[in-house]
Amino acid sequence: MVKKMNIQKSYIGINEKTRSGEKILKIEGIIIHTCEKSIRTSKELLKKIEESKREVDKYLSYHYIISEKSNIINIIPTFEMAYHSDKIYLNEHYIGICVIRDKIYSMSNKQRKILKSLIQYILDKFNLDRNSILREYDIYSTRKSSLIIDNGILWDEIID
């Protein structure tokens, strides 16, 4: 049985750059993202997503945001495609979660706990296993300081 979670639904409007309304035919996994260092709040991320609508060749959205206050905000329905990767296949088959950094450019303990709970909720709901969880590092095979989850020890703690 899937445990109920406290998830704030705040869907963004349908448009070609952030929420196409296209359905995901089969959910194959989860991708965990971290916001760039300049984004400090969920409000700033939502503003950036809104601004992406006006940019040429810029598509940006996630299914879930883990806010700086450790709230879970669902901005794209789970069965719809979000634009959280530049790889189309991943957008078509993976649920995107973006974590807002805390004051020290990392995740707070509370954010880690909430992220772990959300991951487990999605795994249970869609009958996925731990091998279906990716981080940006797994997709791009490059280390960047902006990817706080490319730390192997922290990653193991989150998916354990």
Protein backbone atom coordinates (compact mmCIF):
# COMPACT_ATOMS: atom_id res chain seq x y z
CA MET A 1 0.00 0.00 0.00
CA VAL A 2 1.28 3.46 -0.94
CA LYS A 3 1.70 5.74 2.06
CA LYS A 4 -0.08 9.10 1.72
CA MET A 5 2.22 12.13 1.57
CA ASN A 6 1.75 15.80 2.26
CA ILE A 7 2.16 17.18 -1.27
CA GLN A 8 1.10 20.68 -2.23
CA LYS A 9 -0.39 20.63 -5.74
CA SER A 10 0.25 23.87 -7.57
CA TYR A 11 0.07 22.98 -11.25
CA ILE A 12 1.45 25.43 -13.76
CA GLY A 13 -0.63 26.21 -16.85
CA ILE A 14 -0.34 24.22 -20.06
CA ASN A 15 1.98 25.76 -22.66
CA GLU A 16 4.60 24.48 -25.09
CA LYS A 17 7.68 25.44 -23.00
CA THR A 18 6.91 24.17 -19.50
CA ARG A 19 3.88 21.88 -19.54
CA SER A 20 2.76 20.41 -22.83
CA GLY A 21 0.01 18.26 -21.35
CA GLU A 22 1.45 15.21 -23.13
CA LYS A 23 0.98 12.00 -21.18
CA ILE A 24 3.81 9.76 -20.04
CA LEU A 25 2.95 6.34 -21.43
CA LYS A 26 5.20 4.42 -19.06
CA ILE A 27 7.04 5.79 -16.03
CA GLU A 28 10.45 4.13 -15.89
CA GLY A 29 12.15 6.05 -13.12
CA ILE A 30 13.01 9.20 -11.22
CA ILE A 31 15.67 11.83 -11.85
CA ILE A 32 16.88 13.94 -8.94
CA HIS A 33 18.05 17.44 -9.83
CA THR A 34 19.47 20.27 -7.75
CA CYS A 35 18.82 23.89 -8.61
CA GLU A 36 21.63 26.10 -9.72
CA LYS A 37 23.28 28.02 -6.88
CA SER A 38 21.57 31.30 -7.78
CA ILE A 39 18.12 29.79 -7.11
CA ARG A 40 17.53 30.02 -3.35
CA THR A 41 13.75 29.58 -3.05
CA SER A 42 10.93 27.71 -4.73
CA LYS A 43 9.45 31.10 -5.65
CA GLU A 44 12.65 31.96 -7.57
CA LEU A 45 12.57 28.58 -9.35
CA LEU A 46 8.94 29.05 -10.34
CA LYS A 47 9.84 32.52 -11.66
CA LYS A 48 12.67 31.01 -13.72
CA ILE A 49 10.30 28.36 -15.10
CA GLU A 50 7.81 31.11 -16.00
CA GLU A 51 10.57 33.16 -17.69
CA SER A 52 11.66 30.14 -19.73
CA LYS A 53 8.40 30.42 -21.67
CA ARG A 54 9.79 33.55 -23.35
CA GLU A 55 13.21 32.12 -24.23
CA VAL A 56 14.01 30.55 -27.58
CA ASP A 57 14.73 26.81 -27.32
CA LYS A 58 14.41 26.86 -23.51
CA TYR A 59 12.16 24.24 -21.93
CA LEU A 60 12.09 23.91 -18.15
CA SER A 61 9.90 22.20 -15.57
CA TYR A 62 9.89 19.45 -12.98
CA HIS A 63 7.16 17.29 -11.55
CA TYR A 64 8.13 18.01 -7.95
CA ILE A 65 10.09 20.66 -6.11
CA ILE A 66 11.54 20.11 -2.64
CA SER A 67 11.45 23.67 -1.32
CA GLU A 68 13.96 25.44 0.88
CA LYS A 69 11.45 24.86 3.70
CA SER A 70 11.30 21.11 2.92
CA ASN A 71 7.82 21.27 1.41
CA ILE A 72 6.93 19.11 -1.58
CA ILE A 73 5.35 21.11 -4.40
CA ASN A 74 3.87 19.21 -7.36
CA ILE A 75 3.81 21.56 -10.38
CA ILE A 76 3.27 19.05 -13.23
CA PRO A 77 0.87 16.10 -12.85
CA THR A 78 2.90 12.91 -12.51
CA PHE A 79 1.41 11.30 -15.61
CA GLU A 80 2.34 14.29 -17.79
CA MET A 81 5.71 14.99 -19.35
CA ALA A 82 7.92 17.63 -17.69
CA TYR A 83 11.00 19.24 -19.26
CA HIS A 84 13.66 18.44 -16.69
CA SER A 85 16.30 17.02 -19.05
CA ASP A 86 17.69 17.94 -22.43
CA LYS A 87 17.27 14.27 -23.34
CA ILE A 88 13.75 13.81 -24.72
CA TYR A 89 13.49 10.14 -23.75
CA LEU A 90 14.08 10.99 -20.10
CA ASN A 91 11.37 13.66 -20.16
CA GLU A 92 8.99 11.15 -21.72
CA HIS A 93 9.62 8.39 -19.17
CA TYR A 94 11.05 9.83 -15.94
CA ILE A 95 9.64 11.86 -13.07
CA GLY A 96 11.76 14.93 -12.31
CA ILE A 97 12.39 16.17 -8.78
CA CYS A 98 14.30 19.40 -8.14
CA VAL A 99 15.78 20.16 -4.72
CA ILE A 100 16.32 23.79 -3.71
CA ARG A 101 19.66 24.22 -1.93
CA ASP A 102 19.79 25.38 1.65
CA LYS A 103 21.98 28.22 2.92
CA ILE A 104 25.21 26.28 2.58
CA TYR A 105 24.63 25.07 -0.99
CA SER A 106 23.61 21.64 0.14
CA MET A 107 20.48 19.89 1.34
CA SER A 108 19.30 20.23 4.89
CA ASN A 109 18.71 17.08 6.90
CA LYS A 110 14.98 17.74 6.69
CA GLN A 111 15.17 18.08 2.89
CA ARG A 112 17.04 14.75 2.70
CA LYS A 113 14.37 13.08 4.80
CA ILE A 114 11.55 14.54 2.67
CA LEU A 115 13.37 13.59 -0.55
CA LYS A 116 13.82 10.01 0.67
CA SER A 117 10.11 9.83 1.54
CA LEU A 118 9.07 11.24 -1.84
CA ILE A 119 11.36 8.80 -3.67
CA GLN A 120 9.87 5.88 -1.73
CA TYR A 121 6.35 7.14 -2.41
CA ILE A 122 7.03 7.25 -6.17
CA LEU A 123 8.79 3.87 -6.16
CA ASP A 124 5.83 2.28 -4.39
CA LYS A 125 3.18 4.04 -6.46
CA PHE A 126 4.69 3.02 -9.80
CA ASN A 127 6.22 -0.32 -8.76
CA LEU A 128 9.78 0.84 -9.48
CA ASP A 129 13.01 -0.35 -7.89
CA ARG A 130 16.03 1.58 -6.62
CA ASN A 131 17.89 1.00 -9.90
CA SER A 132 15.39 3.33 -11.59
CA ILE A 133 16.59 6.38 -9.60
CA LEU A 134 19.02 8.66 -11.42
CA ARG A 135 20.80 11.88 -10.57
CA GLU A 136 22.09 14.44 -13.03
CA TYR A 137 25.59 13.01 -12.65
CA ASP A 138 24.35 9.64 -13.95
CA ILE A 139 22.92 11.28 -17.06
CA TYR A 140 25.73 13.64 -18.01
CA SER A 141 28.69 11.63 -16.61
CA THR A 142 30.46 14.74 -15.46
CA ARG A 143 31.16 16.20 -12.05
CA LYS A 144 30.00 19.74 -11.46
CA SER A 145 30.05 21.63 -8.18
CA SER A 146 26.47 22.68 -8.90
CA LEU A 147 25.35 19.04 -8.63
CA ILE A 148 25.31 18.54 -4.88
CA ILE A 149 23.98 15.03 -5.28
CA ASP A 150 27.01 13.79 -7.22
CA ASN A 151 28.58 13.16 -3.82
CA GLY A 152 28.51 9.33 -3.63
CA ILE A 153 28.17 9.13 0.16
CA LEU A 154 25.25 11.58 0.21
CA TRP A 155 23.65 9.76 -2.73
CA ASP A 156 23.92 6.37 -1.00
CA GLU A 157 22.33 7.89 2.11
CA ILE A 158 19.41 9.26 0.09
CA ILE A 159 18.59 6.10 -1.86
CA ASP A 160 19.33 3.66 0.96
